[in-house]
Amino acid sequence: MREIQVFIDTEEIAEFFFHELVKRGYVPSEEELEEIADITFEYLVEKSIIDEEDEDE
């Protein structure tokens, strides 16, 4: 299997969840969205879907 580079931006995740939740009738706070984005990122790392790297690398 070949390796590809994927860049995950938690701000982009938060924006995605905001739009999806609003479509479903929910209006989350900015703090809630940041938490959801962080949890999503941690889930992807835990499931080995992505590897966490420092931005300096």
C-alpha atoms as a PDB file:
ATOM      1  CA  MET A   1       0.000   0.000   0.000  1.00  0.00           C
ATOM      2  CA  ARG A   2       1.372   3.419  -0.864  1.00  0.00           C
ATOM      3  CA  GLU A   3       1.594   6.251   1.609  1.00  0.00           C
ATOM      4  CA  ILE A   4      -0.045   9.606   0.977  1.00  0.00           C
ATOM      5  CA  GLN A   5       0.256  12.824   2.928  1.00  0.00           C
ATOM      6  CA  VAL A   6      -2.915  14.271   4.371  1.00  0.00           C
ATOM      7  CA  PHE A   7      -3.040  17.495   6.323  1.00  0.00           C
ATOM      8  CA  ILE A   8      -5.775  17.708   8.928  1.00  0.00           C
ATOM      9  CA  ASP A   9      -6.754  21.164  10.134  1.00  0.00           C
ATOM     10  CA  THR A  10      -8.832  21.173  13.312  1.00  0.00           C
ATOM     11  CA  GLU A  11     -10.283  24.564  12.368  1.00  0.00           C
ATOM     12  CA  GLU A  12     -11.543  23.014   9.132  1.00  0.00           C
ATOM     13  CA  ILE A  13     -13.005  20.105  11.113  1.00  0.00           C
ATOM     14  CA  ALA A  14     -14.761  22.559  13.442  1.00  0.00           C
ATOM     15  CA  GLU A  15     -16.213  24.462  10.483  1.00  0.00           C
ATOM     16  CA  PHE A  16     -17.431  21.219   8.893  1.00  0.00           C
ATOM     17  CA  PHE A  17     -19.153  20.134  12.107  1.00  0.00           C
ATOM     18  CA  PHE A  18     -20.684  23.579  12.561  1.00  0.00           C
ATOM     19  CA  HIS A  19     -22.339  23.478   9.134  1.00  0.00           C
ATOM     20  CA  GLU A  20     -23.490  19.881   9.569  1.00  0.00           C
ATOM     21  CA  LEU A  21     -24.911  20.499  13.049  1.00  0.00           C
ATOM     22  CA  VAL A  22     -26.711  23.675  11.935  1.00  0.00           C
ATOM     23  CA  LYS A  23     -28.305  21.713   9.066  1.00  0.00           C
ATOM     24  CA  ARG A  24     -29.604  19.300  11.710  1.00  0.00           C
ATOM     25  CA  GLY A  25     -31.017  22.050  13.910  1.00  0.00           C
ATOM     26  CA  TYR A  26     -28.195  22.398  16.454  1.00  0.00           C
ATOM     27  CA  VAL A  27     -26.250  25.566  17.165  1.00  0.00           C
ATOM     28  CA  PRO A  28     -23.036  24.632  18.996  1.00  0.00           C
ATOM     29  CA  SER A  29     -20.828  27.205  20.673  1.00  0.00           C
ATOM     30  CA  GLU A  30     -17.315  27.912  19.395  1.00  0.00           C
ATOM     31  CA  GLU A  31     -15.877  26.140  22.441  1.00  0.00           C
ATOM     32  CA  GLU A  32     -17.998  23.047  21.763  1.00  0.00           C
ATOM     33  CA  LEU A  33     -16.858  22.994  18.139  1.00  0.00           C
ATOM     34  CA  GLU A  34     -13.207  23.203  19.154  1.00  0.00           C
ATOM     35  CA  GLU A  35     -13.698  20.269  21.518  1.00  0.00           C
ATOM     36  CA  ILE A  36     -15.442  18.216  18.818  1.00  0.00           C
ATOM     37  CA  ALA A  37     -12.637  18.977  16.358  1.00  0.00           C
ATOM     38  CA  ASP A  38      -9.969  17.984  18.886  1.00  0.00           C
ATOM     39  CA  ILE A  39     -11.797  14.757  19.734  1.00  0.00           C
ATOM     40  CA  THR A  40     -12.159  13.944  16.038  1.00  0.00           C
ATOM     41  CA  PHE A  41      -8.444  14.537  15.454  1.00  0.00           C
ATOM     42  CA  GLU A  42      -7.517  12.359  18.448  1.00  0.00           C
ATOM     43  CA  TYR A  43      -9.834   9.619  17.144  1.00  0.00           C
ATOM     44  CA  LEU A  44      -8.130   9.642  13.745  1.00  0.00           C
ATOM     45  CA  VAL A  45      -4.713   9.375  15.422  1.00  0.00           C
ATOM     46  CA  GLU A  46      -5.866   6.598  17.771  1.00  0.00           C
ATOM     47  CA  LYS A  47      -7.270   4.562  14.869  1.00  0.00           C
ATOM     48  CA  SER A  48      -3.987   5.041  12.949  1.00  0.00           C
ATOM     49  CA  ILE A  49      -5.832   6.785  10.146  1.00  0.00           C
ATOM     50  CA  ILE A  50      -3.391   9.672  10.486  1.00  0.00           C
ATOM     51  CA  ASP A  51      -0.058  10.214  12.218  1.00  0.00           C
ATOM     52  CA  GLU A  52       0.429  13.305  14.310  1.00  0.00           C
ATOM     53  CA  GLU A  53       3.478  15.336  13.309  1.00  0.00           C
ATOM     54  CA  ASP A  54       4.852  18.643  14.505  1.00  0.00           C
ATOM     55  CA  GLU A  55       4.175  21.577  12.180  1.00  0.00           C
ATOM     56  CA  ASP A  56       7.938  22.173  11.994  1.00  0.00           C
ATOM     57  CA  GLU A  57       8.528  18.834  10.242  1.00  0.00           C
END
